[in-house]
PDB file of N, CA and C in Angstrom:
ATOM      1  N   MET A   1       5.301 -26.485  23.807  1.00  0.00           N
ATOM      2  CA  MET A   1       6.293 -25.389  23.475  1.00  0.00           C
ATOM      3  C   MET A   1       4.672 -24.419  22.842  1.00  0.00           C
ATOM      4  N   ALA A   2       4.746 -23.430  23.578  1.00  0.00           N
ATOM      5  CA  ALA A   2       3.911 -22.246  23.268  1.00  0.00           C
ATOM      6  C   ALA A   2       4.222 -21.251  22.097  1.00  0.00           C
ATOM      7  N   SER A   3       3.448 -21.082  21.422  1.00  0.00           N
ATOM      8  CA  SER A   3       3.923 -20.020  20.103  1.00  0.00           C
ATOM      9  C   SER A   3       3.452 -18.513  20.536  1.00  0.00           C
ATOM     10  N   ILE A   4       4.224 -17.828  19.706  1.00  0.00           N
ATOM     11  CA  ILE A   4       3.764 -16.348  19.934  1.00  0.00           C
ATOM     12  C   ILE A   4       2.672 -16.053  19.102  1.00  0.00           C
ATOM     13  N   GLN A   5       1.654 -15.240  19.613  1.00  0.00           N
ATOM     14  CA  GLN A   5       0.673 -15.128  18.601  1.00  0.00           C
ATOM     15  C   GLN A   5       1.034 -13.439  18.257  1.00  0.00           C
ATOM     16  N   ALA A   6       0.297 -13.102  17.032  1.00  0.00           N
ATOM     17  CA  ALA A   6       0.685 -11.892  16.517  1.00  0.00           C
ATOM     18  C   ALA A   6      -0.539 -10.841  17.306  1.00  0.00           C
ATOM     19  N   HIS A   7      -0.022  -9.738  17.801  1.00  0.00           N
ATOM     20  CA  HIS A   7      -1.096  -8.962  18.420  1.00  0.00           C
ATOM     21  C   HIS A   7      -0.863  -7.533  18.299  1.00  0.00           C
ATOM     22  N   LEU A   8      -1.158  -6.660  17.521  1.00  0.00           N
ATOM     23  CA  LEU A   8      -0.594  -5.327  17.267  1.00  0.00           C
ATOM     24  C   LEU A   8      -1.573  -4.428  18.366  1.00  0.00           C
ATOM     25  N   MET A   9      -0.735  -3.716  19.511  1.00  0.00           N
ATOM     26  CA  MET A   9      -1.185  -3.266  20.463  1.00  0.00           C
ATOM     27  C   MET A   9      -0.693  -1.556  20.638  1.00  0.00           C
ATOM     28  N   PRO A  10      -1.502  -0.850  21.120  1.00  0.00           N
ATOM     29  CA  PRO A  10      -1.327   0.363  20.946  1.00  0.00           C
ATOM     30  C   PRO A  10       0.052   0.700  22.047  1.00  0.00           C
ATOM     31  N   SER A  11       1.214   1.734  21.732  1.00  0.00           N
ATOM     32  CA  SER A  11       2.344   1.612  22.170  1.00  0.00           C
ATOM     33  C   SER A  11       2.408   1.880  23.691  1.00  0.00           C
ATOM     34  N   TYR A  12       1.139   2.447  24.547  1.00  0.00           N
ATOM     35  CA  TYR A  12       1.202   2.682  25.611  1.00  0.00           C
ATOM     36  C   TYR A  12       0.997   1.211  26.751  1.00  0.00           C
ATOM     37  N   LEU A  13       0.955   0.154  26.134  1.00  0.00           N
ATOM     38  CA  LEU A  13       0.606  -1.175  26.715  1.00  0.00           C
ATOM     39  C   LEU A  13       2.329  -1.580  26.567  1.00  0.00           C
ATOM     40  N   LEU A  14       3.154  -1.195  25.657  1.00  0.00           N
ATOM     41  CA  LEU A  14       4.410  -1.874  25.484  1.00  0.00           C
ATOM     42  C   LEU A  14       5.360  -1.427  26.852  1.00  0.00           C
ATOM     43  N   PRO A  15       6.333  -2.138  27.147  1.00  0.00           N
ATOM     44  CA  PRO A  15       6.928  -1.678  27.932  1.00  0.00           C
ATOM     45  C   PRO A  15       7.957  -0.630  27.506  1.00  0.00           C
ATOM     46  N   ARG A  16       8.345   0.259  28.048  1.00  0.00           N
ATOM     47  CA  ARG A  16       9.293   1.109  27.716  1.00  0.00           C
ATOM     48  C   ARG A  16      10.745   0.495  27.767  1.00  0.00           C
ATOM     49  N   LEU A  17      11.667   1.031  26.825  1.00  0.00           N
ATOM     50  CA  LEU A  17      12.808   0.071  26.403  1.00  0.00           C
ATOM     51  C   LEU A  17      13.963   1.205  26.394  1.00  0.00           C
ATOM     52  N   GLY A  18      15.200   0.746  26.804  1.00  0.00           N
ATOM     53  CA  GLY A  18      16.113   1.560  26.463  1.00  0.00           C
ATOM     54  C   GLY A  18      16.656   1.170  24.983  1.00  0.00           C
ATOM     55  N   MET A  19      17.644   1.662  24.491  1.00  0.00           N
ATOM     56  CA  MET A  19      18.306   1.496  23.090  1.00  0.00           C
ATOM     57  C   MET A  19      19.061   0.152  23.053  1.00  0.00           C
ATOM     58  N   ASP A  20      19.649   0.150  24.475  1.00  0.00           N
ATOM     59  CA  ASP A  20      20.402  -1.247  24.308  1.00  0.00           C
ATOM     60  C   ASP A  20      19.183  -2.571  24.413  1.00  0.00           C
ATOM     61  N   GLN A  21      18.605  -2.338  25.324  1.00  0.00           N
ATOM     62  CA  GLN A  21      17.317  -3.217  25.482  1.00  0.00           C
ATOM     63  C   GLN A  21      16.354  -3.474  24.086  1.00  0.00           C
ATOM     64  N   LEU A  22      16.289  -2.671  23.099  1.00  0.00           N
ATOM     65  CA  LEU A  22      15.612  -2.557  21.928  1.00  0.00           C
ATOM     66  C   LEU A  22      16.424  -3.279  20.913  1.00  0.00           C
ATOM     67  N   LYS A  23      18.012  -3.213  20.976  1.00  0.00           N
ATOM     68  CA  LYS A  23      18.743  -3.500  19.897  1.00  0.00           C
ATOM     69  C   LYS A  23      18.835  -5.166  20.342  1.00  0.00           C
ATOM     70  N   LYS A  24      18.895  -5.442  21.710  1.00  0.00           N
ATOM     71  CA  LYS A  24      18.858  -6.940  21.984  1.00  0.00           C
ATOM     72  C   LYS A  24      17.999  -7.570  21.124  1.00  0.00           C
ATOM     73  N   LEU A  25      16.351  -6.961  21.547  1.00  0.00           N
ATOM     74  CA  LEU A  25      15.329  -7.625  21.218  1.00  0.00           C
ATOM     75  C   LEU A  25      15.448  -7.637  19.917  1.00  0.00           C
ATOM     76  N   GLU A  26      15.708  -6.598  19.212  1.00  0.00           N
ATOM     77  CA  GLU A  26      15.532  -6.688  17.746  1.00  0.00           C
ATOM     78  C   GLU A  26      16.546  -8.113  16.989  1.00  0.00           C
ATOM     79  N   THR A  27      17.690  -8.212  17.431  1.00  0.00           N
ATOM     80  CA  THR A  27      18.537  -9.431  17.531  1.00  0.00           C
ATOM     81  C   THR A  27      17.792 -10.379  17.693  1.00  0.00           C
ATOM     82  N   ASN A  28      17.382 -10.732  18.717  1.00  0.00           N
ATOM     83  CA  ASN A  28      16.561 -12.222  18.937  1.00  0.00           C
ATOM     84  C   ASN A  28      15.694 -12.020  18.018  1.00  0.00           C
ATOM     85  N   PHE A  29      14.789 -11.186  17.363  1.00  0.00           N
ATOM     86  CA  PHE A  29      13.554 -11.377  16.901  1.00  0.00           C
ATOM     87  C   PHE A  29      14.214 -11.803  15.402  1.00  0.00           C
ATOM     88  N   LYS A  30      15.048 -11.238  14.609  1.00  0.00           N
ATOM     89  CA  LYS A  30      15.512 -11.491  13.664  1.00  0.00           C
ATOM     90  C   LYS A  30      16.177 -12.970  13.656  1.00  0.00           C
ATOM     91  N   ASP A  31      16.497 -13.485  14.665  1.00  0.00           N
ATOM     92  CA  ASP A  31      17.213 -14.528  14.834  1.00  0.00           C
ATOM     93  C   ASP A  31      16.128 -15.865  14.972  1.00  0.00           C
ATOM     94  N   ASN A  32      14.995 -15.351  15.428  1.00  0.00           N
ATOM     95  CA  ASN A  32      14.177 -16.532  16.097  1.00  0.00           C
ATOM     96  C   ASN A  32      12.821 -15.411  15.932  1.00  0.00           C
ATOM     97  N   ARG A  33      11.592 -15.549  15.117  1.00  0.00           N
ATOM     98  CA  ARG A  33      10.470 -14.719  15.389  1.00  0.00           C
ATOM     99  C   ARG A  33       9.479 -15.137  16.319  1.00  0.00           C
ATOM    100  N   ASN A  34       9.714 -16.642  16.846  1.00  0.00           N
ATOM    101  CA  ASN A  34       8.509 -17.028  17.369  1.00  0.00           C
ATOM    102  C   ASN A  34       9.541 -18.096  18.556  1.00  0.00           C
ATOM    103  N   PRO A  35      10.236 -17.321  19.593  1.00  0.00           N
ATOM    104  CA  PRO A  35      10.926 -17.986  20.650  1.00  0.00           C
ATOM    105  C   PRO A  35      10.188 -18.879  21.405  1.00  0.00           C
ATOM    106  N   SER A  36      10.728 -19.830  21.956  1.00  0.00           N
ATOM    107  CA  SER A  36      10.175 -20.864  23.232  1.00  0.00           C
ATOM    108  C   SER A  36       9.712 -20.438  24.437  1.00  0.00           C
ATOM    109  N   ASP A  37       9.399 -20.795  25.130  1.00  0.00           N
ATOM    110  CA  ASP A  37       9.211 -20.189  26.362  1.00  0.00           C
ATOM    111  C   ASP A  37      10.438 -20.150  27.223  1.00  0.00           C
ATOM    112  N   LEU A  38      11.549 -21.372  27.063  1.00  0.00           N
ATOM    113  CA  LEU A  38      13.056 -21.043  27.490  1.00  0.00           C
ATOM    114  C   LEU A  38      13.538 -20.056  27.175  1.00  0.00           C
ATOM    115  N   ASP A  39      13.464 -19.472  25.648  1.00  0.00           N
ATOM    116  CA  ASP A  39      14.068 -18.728  25.039  1.00  0.00           C
ATOM    117  C   ASP A  39      13.601 -17.544  25.870  1.00  0.00           C
ATOM    118  N   MET A  40      12.295 -17.422  25.766  1.00  0.00           N
ATOM    119  CA  MET A  40      11.603 -16.040  26.620  1.00  0.00           C
ATOM    120  C   MET A  40      12.206 -15.624  27.598  1.00  0.00           C
ATOM    121  N   ILE A  41      12.650 -16.604  28.437  1.00  0.00           N
ATOM    122  CA  ILE A  41      13.150 -16.492  30.055  1.00  0.00           C
ATOM    123  C   ILE A  41      14.571 -16.085  29.858  1.00  0.00           C
ATOM    124  N   ILE A  42      15.500 -16.376  28.983  1.00  0.00           N
ATOM    125  CA  ILE A  42      16.684 -16.401  28.615  1.00  0.00           C
ATOM    126  C   ILE A  42      16.788 -14.682  27.933  1.00  0.00           C
ATOM    127  N   ILE A  43      15.925 -14.395  27.195  1.00  0.00           N
ATOM    128  CA  ILE A  43      15.930 -13.127  26.397  1.00  0.00           C
ATOM    129  C   ILE A  43      15.737 -12.008  27.864  1.00  0.00           C
ATOM    130  N   ALA A  44      14.385 -12.258  28.139  1.00  0.00           N
ATOM    131  CA  ALA A  44      14.164 -11.421  29.661  1.00  0.00           C
ATOM    132  C   ALA A  44      15.325 -10.951  30.502  1.00  0.00           C
ATOM    133  N   ALA A  45      15.977 -12.352  30.732  1.00  0.00           N
ATOM    134  CA  ALA A  45      17.318 -12.241  31.900  1.00  0.00           C
ATOM    135  C   ALA A  45      18.463 -11.029  31.047  1.00  0.00           C
ATOM    136  N   GLU A  46      18.726 -11.758  29.686  1.00  0.00           N
ATOM    137  CA  GLU A  46      19.554 -10.740  28.949  1.00  0.00           C
ATOM    138  C   GLU A  46      18.928  -9.212  28.983  1.00  0.00           C
ATOM    139  N   VAL A  47      17.895  -8.760  28.639  1.00  0.00           N
ATOM    140  CA  VAL A  47      17.424  -7.563  28.673  1.00  0.00           C
ATOM    141  C   VAL A  47      16.983  -6.710  29.944  1.00  0.00           C
ATOM    142  N   GLY A  48      17.096  -7.362  30.897  1.00  0.00           N
ATOM    143  CA  GLY A  48      16.471  -7.075  32.104  1.00  0.00           C
ATOM    144  C   GLY A  48      14.866  -6.548  32.137  1.00  0.00           C
ATOM    145  N   LEU A  49      14.058  -7.299  31.292  1.00  0.00           N
ATOM    146  CA  LEU A  49      12.649  -6.929  31.551  1.00  0.00           C
ATOM    147  C   LEU A  49      11.936  -8.605  32.223  1.00  0.00           C
ATOM    148  N   SER A  50      10.734  -8.113  32.386  1.00  0.00           N
ATOM    149  CA  SER A  50      10.117  -9.314  32.623  1.00  0.00           C
ATOM    150  C   SER A  50       9.795 -10.366  31.830  1.00  0.00           C
ATOM    151  N   GLU A  51       9.646 -11.691  31.877  1.00  0.00           N
ATOM    152  CA  GLU A  51       9.201 -12.563  31.034  1.00  0.00           C
ATOM    153  C   GLU A  51       7.909 -12.185  30.034  1.00  0.00           C
ATOM    154  N   GLN A  52       6.930 -11.473  30.663  1.00  0.00           N
ATOM    155  CA  GLN A  52       5.739 -10.975  29.981  1.00  0.00           C
ATOM    156  C   GLN A  52       5.983  -9.586  29.164  1.00  0.00           C
ATOM    157  N   ASP A  53       6.753  -8.686  29.688  1.00  0.00           N
ATOM    158  CA  ASP A  53       7.318  -7.644  28.766  1.00  0.00           C
ATOM    159  C   ASP A  53       7.752  -7.999  27.695  1.00  0.00           C
ATOM    160  N   VAL A  54       8.836  -9.139  27.793  1.00  0.00           N
ATOM    161  CA  VAL A  54       8.960  -9.670  26.104  1.00  0.00           C
ATOM    162  C   VAL A  54       8.147 -10.549  25.502  1.00  0.00           C
ATOM    163  N   LYS A  55       7.312 -10.977  26.028  1.00  0.00           N
ATOM    164  CA  LYS A  55       6.170 -11.768  25.346  1.00  0.00           C
ATOM    165  C   LYS A  55       5.438 -10.945  24.703  1.00  0.00           C
ATOM    166  N   LEU A  56       5.096  -9.588  25.408  1.00  0.00           N
ATOM    167  CA  LEU A  56       4.394  -8.556  24.466  1.00  0.00           C
ATOM    168  C   LEU A  56       5.333  -7.660  23.435  1.00  0.00           C
ATOM    169  N   TRP A  57       6.426  -7.755  23.742  1.00  0.00           N
ATOM    170  CA  TRP A  57       6.931  -6.868  22.979  1.00  0.00           C
ATOM    171  C   TRP A  57       7.127  -7.796  21.682  1.00  0.00           C
ATOM    172  N   PHE A  58       7.503  -9.376  21.803  1.00  0.00           N
ATOM    173  CA  PHE A  58       7.481 -10.081  20.541  1.00  0.00           C
ATOM    174  C   PHE A  58       6.290 -10.281  19.714  1.00  0.00           C
ATOM    175  N   GLN A  59       4.864 -10.201  20.701  1.00  0.00           N
ATOM    176  CA  GLN A  59       3.942 -10.195  19.966  1.00  0.00           C
ATOM    177  C   GLN A  59       3.582  -9.114  19.124  1.00  0.00           C
ATOM    178  N   ASN A  60       3.839  -8.221  19.439  1.00  0.00           N
ATOM    179  CA  ASN A  60       3.846  -6.464  18.727  1.00  0.00           C
ATOM    180  C   ASN A  60       4.863  -6.634  17.553  1.00  0.00           C
ATOM    181  N   ARG A  61       6.028  -6.898  18.082  1.00  0.00           N
ATOM    182  CA  ARG A  61       7.152  -6.984  16.748  1.00  0.00           C
ATOM    183  C   ARG A  61       6.444  -7.931  15.873  1.00  0.00           C
ATOM    184  N   LEU A  62       5.906  -9.107  16.046  1.00  0.00           N
ATOM    185  CA  LEU A  62       5.763 -10.105  15.049  1.00  0.00           C
ATOM    186  C   LEU A  62       4.333  -9.332  14.393  1.00  0.00           C
ATOM    187  N   ALA A  63       3.500  -8.862  14.872  1.00  0.00           N
ATOM    188  CA  ALA A  63       2.337  -8.111  14.238  1.00  0.00           C
ATOM    189  C   ALA A  63       3.084  -7.083  13.214  1.00  0.00           C
ATOM    190  N   ARG A  64       3.708  -6.040  13.497  1.00  0.00           N
ATOM    191  CA  ARG A  64       4.363  -5.205  12.607  1.00  0.00           C
ATOM    192  C   ARG A  64       5.112  -5.882  11.772  1.00  0.00           C
ATOM    193  N   TRP A  65       5.859  -6.890  11.880  1.00  0.00           N
ATOM    194  CA  TRP A  65       6.496  -7.909  10.864  1.00  0.00           C
ATOM    195  C   TRP A  65       5.582  -8.275   9.954  1.00  0.00           C
ATOM    196  N   ARG A  66       4.529  -8.783  10.317  1.00  0.00           N
ATOM    197  CA  ARG A  66       3.546  -9.418   9.479  1.00  0.00           C
ATOM    198  C   ARG A  66       3.017  -8.475   8.627  1.00  0.00           C
ATOM    199  N   GLN A  67       2.517  -7.159   9.022  1.00  0.00           N
ATOM    200  CA  GLN A  67       2.298  -6.053   8.486  1.00  0.00           C
ATOM    201  C   GLN A  67       3.310  -5.610   7.143  1.00  0.00           C
ATOM    202  N   GLN A  68       4.078  -5.705   7.368  1.00  0.00           N
ATOM    203  CA  GLN A  68       5.372  -5.122   6.663  1.00  0.00           C
ATOM    204  C   GLN A  68       5.535  -6.173   5.340  1.00  0.00           C
ATOM    205  N   GLN A  69       5.226  -7.667   5.871  1.00  0.00           N
ATOM    206  CA  GLN A  69       5.264  -8.600   4.738  1.00  0.00           C
ATOM    207  C   GLN A  69       3.794  -8.622   3.953  1.00  0.00           C
ATOM    208  N   GLY A  70       2.679  -7.708   4.304  1.00  0.00           N
ATOM    209  CA  GLY A  70       1.542  -7.615   3.353  1.00  0.00           C
ATOM    210  C   GLY A  70       0.526  -8.795   3.955  1.00  0.00           C
ATOM    211  N   LEU A  71       0.708  -9.213   5.264  1.00  0.00           N
ATOM    212  CA  LEU A  71      -0.090 -10.054   5.840  1.00  0.00           C
ATOM    213  C   LEU A  71      -0.735  -9.455   7.000  1.00  0.00           C
ATOM    214  N   PRO A  72      -1.902  -9.945   7.195  1.00  0.00           N
ATOM    215  CA  PRO A  72      -2.699  -9.432   8.499  1.00  0.00           C
ATOM    216  C   PRO A  72      -2.061  -9.099   9.530  1.00  0.00           C
ATOM    217  N   ALA A  73      -1.911  -8.162  10.530  1.00  0.00           N
ATOM    218  CA  ALA A  73      -1.395  -8.120  11.799  1.00  0.00           C
ATOM    219  C   ALA A  73      -1.727  -8.861  12.782  1.00  0.00           C
ATOM    220  N   ASN A  74      -2.851  -9.348  12.987  1.00  0.00           N
ATOM    221  CA  ASN A  74      -3.418 -10.167  13.984  1.00  0.00           C
ATOM    222  C   ASN A  74      -3.867 -11.363  13.719  1.00  0.00           C
ATOM    223  N   SER A  75      -2.774 -11.909  13.511  1.00  0.00           N
ATOM    224  CA  SER A  75      -2.858 -13.662  13.144  1.00  0.00           C
ATOM    225  C   SER A  75      -2.154 -14.455  13.965  1.00  0.00           C
ATOM    226  N   GLY A  76      -2.263 -15.752  13.649  1.00  0.00           N
ATOM    227  CA  GLY A  76      -1.629 -16.730  14.341  1.00  0.00           C
ATOM    228  C   GLY A  76      -0.137 -16.693  14.553  1.00  0.00           C
ATOM    229  N   SER A  77       0.652 -17.359  14.906  1.00  0.00           N
ATOM    230  CA  SER A  77       2.283 -17.413  14.897  1.00  0.00           C
ATOM    231  C   SER A  77       2.727 -17.885  13.554  1.00  0.00           C
ATOM    232  N   VAL A  78       3.860 -17.307  13.381  1.00  0.00           N
ATOM    233  CA  VAL A  78       4.469 -17.691  12.385  1.00  0.00           C
ATOM    234  C   VAL A  78       5.809 -18.378  12.350  1.00  0.00           C
ATOM    235  N   THR A  79       6.284 -19.162  11.408  1.00  0.00           N
ATOM    236  CA  THR A  79       7.366 -19.940  11.862  1.00  0.00           C
ATOM    237  C   THR A  79       8.371 -19.830  10.519  1.00  0.00           C
ATOM    238  N   ASP A  80       9.630 -19.737  10.750  1.00  0.00           N
ATOM    239  CA  ASP A  80      10.485 -19.701   9.476  1.00  0.00           C
ATOM    240  C   ASP A  80      10.452 -20.562   8.327  1.00  0.00           C
TER     241      ASP A  80
END
């Protein structure tokens, strides 16, 4: 299972999202900050984005979460 690496990136590199897509991604992030490859495929299908776009979003979201927790943004994976 590949893990998500936290990388804070400029917003112009992130996919453009609709409100429904963002809500679904945030819900998935709350449930699991480090989804498996299979989970990524399922999430991508649910939100109508490519797997790569979902992976980029999760990497950036994980980096922002790490900052909120007082941790370095760009670091390895985080497990619950």
